Amino acid sequence: MSPTQRSLAVLRERYPLVQVVERYIPQARKRIDLYGIADILCVSESEIVAVQTTSASNVAARVSKLTESPALPILRKAGVKILVHGWRKNAKGRWTLREVDLS
């Protein structure tokens, strides 16, 4: 299971609307995130959440990428919650989530 699939499972328990918004461009063999920062978009009656998901070892790089994005201040001002999900296996071999809130 990919980090995106793991995040989808967690987010579907929290939010009624959850959608992958990252696109794959086959000709370029490249993935494009929504506004350059979001793999997943979640919506409830009270909030909108944009989630970037990755492995735990890449969380710092993703946080840097998002904080440098010109889209981040606009999304924050609009009230969009911004999360980075980092996944790793613990000592027992179970997947654990590290969630960083950049809102």
C-alpha atoms as a PDB file:
ATOM      1  CA  MET A   1       0.000   0.000   0.000  1.00  0.00           C
ATOM      2  CA  SER A   2       1.316   3.453  -0.902  1.00  0.00           C
ATOM      3  CA  PRO A   3       1.463   6.423   1.502  1.00  0.00           C
ATOM      4  CA  THR A   4      -1.467   7.956  -0.409  1.00  0.00           C
ATOM      5  CA  GLN A   5      -3.581   4.837   0.109  1.00  0.00           C
ATOM      6  CA  ARG A   6      -2.734   4.804   3.836  1.00  0.00           C
ATOM      7  CA  SER A   7      -3.684   8.474   4.172  1.00  0.00           C
ATOM      8  CA  LEU A   8      -6.925   7.900   2.262  1.00  0.00           C
ATOM      9  CA  ALA A   9      -7.936   5.207   4.753  1.00  0.00           C
ATOM     10  CA  VAL A  10      -7.324   7.539   7.723  1.00  0.00           C
ATOM     11  CA  LEU A  11      -8.938  10.579   6.107  1.00  0.00           C
ATOM     12  CA  ARG A  12     -12.077   8.704   5.048  1.00  0.00           C
ATOM     13  CA  GLU A  13     -12.735   8.050   8.741  1.00  0.00           C
ATOM     14  CA  ARG A  14     -12.497  11.804   9.478  1.00  0.00           C
ATOM     15  CA  TYR A  15     -14.161  13.478   6.497  1.00  0.00           C
ATOM     16  CA  PRO A  16     -17.242  12.734   4.386  1.00  0.00           C
ATOM     17  CA  LEU A  17     -15.604  13.840   1.101  1.00  0.00           C
ATOM     18  CA  VAL A  18     -12.053  12.695   0.309  1.00  0.00           C
ATOM     19  CA  GLN A  19     -10.527  12.803  -3.171  1.00  0.00           C
ATOM     20  CA  VAL A  20      -7.080  12.247  -4.676  1.00  0.00           C
ATOM     21  CA  VAL A  21      -6.224  15.458  -6.553  1.00  0.00           C
ATOM     22  CA  GLU A  22      -2.720  14.554  -7.711  1.00  0.00           C
ATOM     23  CA  ARG A  23      -2.566  13.873 -11.455  1.00  0.00           C
ATOM     24  CA  TYR A  24      -0.184  11.628 -13.356  1.00  0.00           C
ATOM     25  CA  ILE A  25       1.026  12.892 -16.746  1.00  0.00           C
ATOM     26  CA  PRO A  26       2.090   9.738 -18.662  1.00  0.00           C
ATOM     27  CA  GLN A  27       3.912  11.581 -21.462  1.00  0.00           C
ATOM     28  CA  ALA A  28       6.151  13.345 -18.948  1.00  0.00           C
ATOM     29  CA  ARG A  29       6.167  10.448 -16.452  1.00  0.00           C
ATOM     30  CA  LYS A  30       5.469  13.020 -13.774  1.00  0.00           C
ATOM     31  CA  ARG A  31       2.962  13.569 -10.965  1.00  0.00           C
ATOM     32  CA  ILE A  32       1.387  17.004 -10.528  1.00  0.00           C
ATOM     33  CA  ASP A  33      -0.057  18.018  -7.142  1.00  0.00           C
ATOM     34  CA  LEU A  34      -3.037  20.343  -6.803  1.00  0.00           C
ATOM     35  CA  TYR A  35      -1.556  23.872  -6.538  1.00  0.00           C
ATOM     36  CA  GLY A  36       1.833  22.167  -6.247  1.00  0.00           C
ATOM     37  CA  ILE A  37       1.129  21.091  -2.663  1.00  0.00           C
ATOM     38  CA  ALA A  38      -1.809  18.673  -2.301  1.00  0.00           C
ATOM     39  CA  ASP A  39      -2.174  14.986  -3.084  1.00  0.00           C
ATOM     40  CA  ILE A  40      -5.557  14.680  -1.346  1.00  0.00           C
ATOM     41  CA  LEU A  41      -8.394  17.138  -0.732  1.00  0.00           C
ATOM     42  CA  CYS A  42     -10.910  16.599   2.087  1.00  0.00           C
ATOM     43  CA  VAL A  43     -14.129  18.504   2.679  1.00  0.00           C
ATOM     44  CA  SER A  44     -16.549  18.528   5.585  1.00  0.00           C
ATOM     45  CA  GLU A  45     -19.319  20.957   6.516  1.00  0.00           C
ATOM     46  CA  SER A  46     -16.864  22.978   8.587  1.00  0.00           C
ATOM     47  CA  GLU A  47     -13.482  22.710   6.855  1.00  0.00           C
ATOM     48  CA  ILE A  48     -11.422  22.031   3.764  1.00  0.00           C
ATOM     49  CA  VAL A  49      -8.153  20.139   4.187  1.00  0.00           C
ATOM     50  CA  ALA A  50      -5.307  19.745   1.687  1.00  0.00           C
ATOM     51  CA  VAL A  51      -2.949  16.839   2.409  1.00  0.00           C
ATOM     52  CA  GLN A  52       0.531  16.105   1.065  1.00  0.00           C
ATOM     53  CA  THR A  53       1.469  12.491   1.797  1.00  0.00           C
ATOM     54  CA  THR A  54       4.906  10.859   1.791  1.00  0.00           C
ATOM     55  CA  SER A  55       7.224   8.559   3.696  1.00  0.00           C
ATOM     56  CA  ALA A  56       8.353   9.713   7.159  1.00  0.00           C
ATOM     57  CA  SER A  57      11.894  10.243   5.910  1.00  0.00           C
ATOM     58  CA  ASN A  58      10.638  12.823   3.382  1.00  0.00           C
ATOM     59  CA  VAL A  59       8.440  14.897   5.717  1.00  0.00           C
ATOM     60  CA  ALA A  60      11.044  17.646   6.216  1.00  0.00           C
ATOM     61  CA  ALA A  61      11.537  17.981   2.453  1.00  0.00           C
ATOM     62  CA  ARG A  62       7.773  18.219   1.888  1.00  0.00           C
ATOM     63  CA  VAL A  63       7.378  20.796   4.657  1.00  0.00           C
ATOM     64  CA  SER A  64      10.119  22.888   3.011  1.00  0.00           C
ATOM     65  CA  LYS A  65       8.472  22.490  -0.404  1.00  0.00           C
ATOM     66  CA  LEU A  66       5.107  23.619   0.942  1.00  0.00           C
ATOM     67  CA  THR A  67       6.432  26.573   2.957  1.00  0.00           C
ATOM     68  CA  GLU A  68       8.194  27.863  -0.178  1.00  0.00           C
ATOM     69  CA  SER A  69       5.059  27.522  -2.313  1.00  0.00           C
ATOM     70  CA  PRO A  70       3.321  30.765  -3.341  1.00  0.00           C
ATOM     71  CA  ALA A  71       0.004  28.904  -2.973  1.00  0.00           C
ATOM     72  CA  LEU A  72       0.433  28.285   0.770  1.00  0.00           C
ATOM     73  CA  PRO A  73      -0.331  31.816   2.059  1.00  0.00           C
ATOM     74  CA  ILE A  74      -3.354  32.081  -0.223  1.00  0.00           C
ATOM     75  CA  LEU A  75      -4.743  28.745   0.952  1.00  0.00           C
ATOM     76  CA  ARG A  76      -4.086  29.658   4.594  1.00  0.00           C
ATOM     77  CA  LYS A  77      -5.871  32.993   4.166  1.00  0.00           C
ATOM     78  CA  ALA A  78      -8.822  31.144   2.609  1.00  0.00           C
ATOM     79  CA  GLY A  79      -9.008  28.982   5.739  1.00  0.00           C
ATOM     80  CA  VAL A  80      -7.791  25.759   4.123  1.00  0.00           C
ATOM     81  CA  LYS A  81      -6.117  23.432   6.619  1.00  0.00           C
ATOM     82  CA  ILE A  82      -2.763  22.144   5.281  1.00  0.00           C
ATOM     83  CA  LEU A  83      -1.385  18.801   6.489  1.00  0.00           C
ATOM     84  CA  VAL A  84       1.681  16.712   5.672  1.00  0.00           C
ATOM     85  CA  HIS A  85       1.311  12.982   6.307  1.00  0.00           C
ATOM     86  CA  GLY A  86       4.502  10.982   6.829  1.00  0.00           C
ATOM     87  CA  TRP A  87       4.332   7.185   7.071  1.00  0.00           C
ATOM     88  CA  ARG A  88       6.842   4.749   8.598  1.00  0.00           C
ATOM     89  CA  LYS A  89       6.886   1.285  10.085  1.00  0.00           C
ATOM     90  CA  ASN A  90       7.413   1.128  13.842  1.00  0.00           C
ATOM     91  CA  ALA A  91       9.487  -1.481  15.705  1.00  0.00           C
ATOM     92  CA  LYS A  92       6.546  -3.898  15.616  1.00  0.00           C
ATOM     93  CA  GLY A  93       6.239  -3.584  11.840  1.00  0.00           C
ATOM     94  CA  ARG A  94       3.031  -1.530  11.982  1.00  0.00           C
ATOM     95  CA  TRP A  95       2.564   1.592   9.890  1.00  0.00           C
ATOM     96  CA  THR A  96       2.416   4.810  11.917  1.00  0.00           C
ATOM     97  CA  LEU A  97       1.411   8.283  10.838  1.00  0.00           C
ATOM     98  CA  ARG A  98       3.224  11.517  11.623  1.00  0.00           C
ATOM     99  CA  GLU A  99       0.930  14.430  10.851  1.00  0.00           C
ATOM    100  CA  VAL A 100       2.364  17.957  10.522  1.00  0.00           C
ATOM    101  CA  ASP A 101      -0.107  20.860  10.454  1.00  0.00           C
ATOM    102  CA  LEU A 102       1.083  23.828   8.358  1.00  0.00           C
ATOM    103  CA  SER A 103      -2.143  25.806   8.649  1.00  0.00           C
END
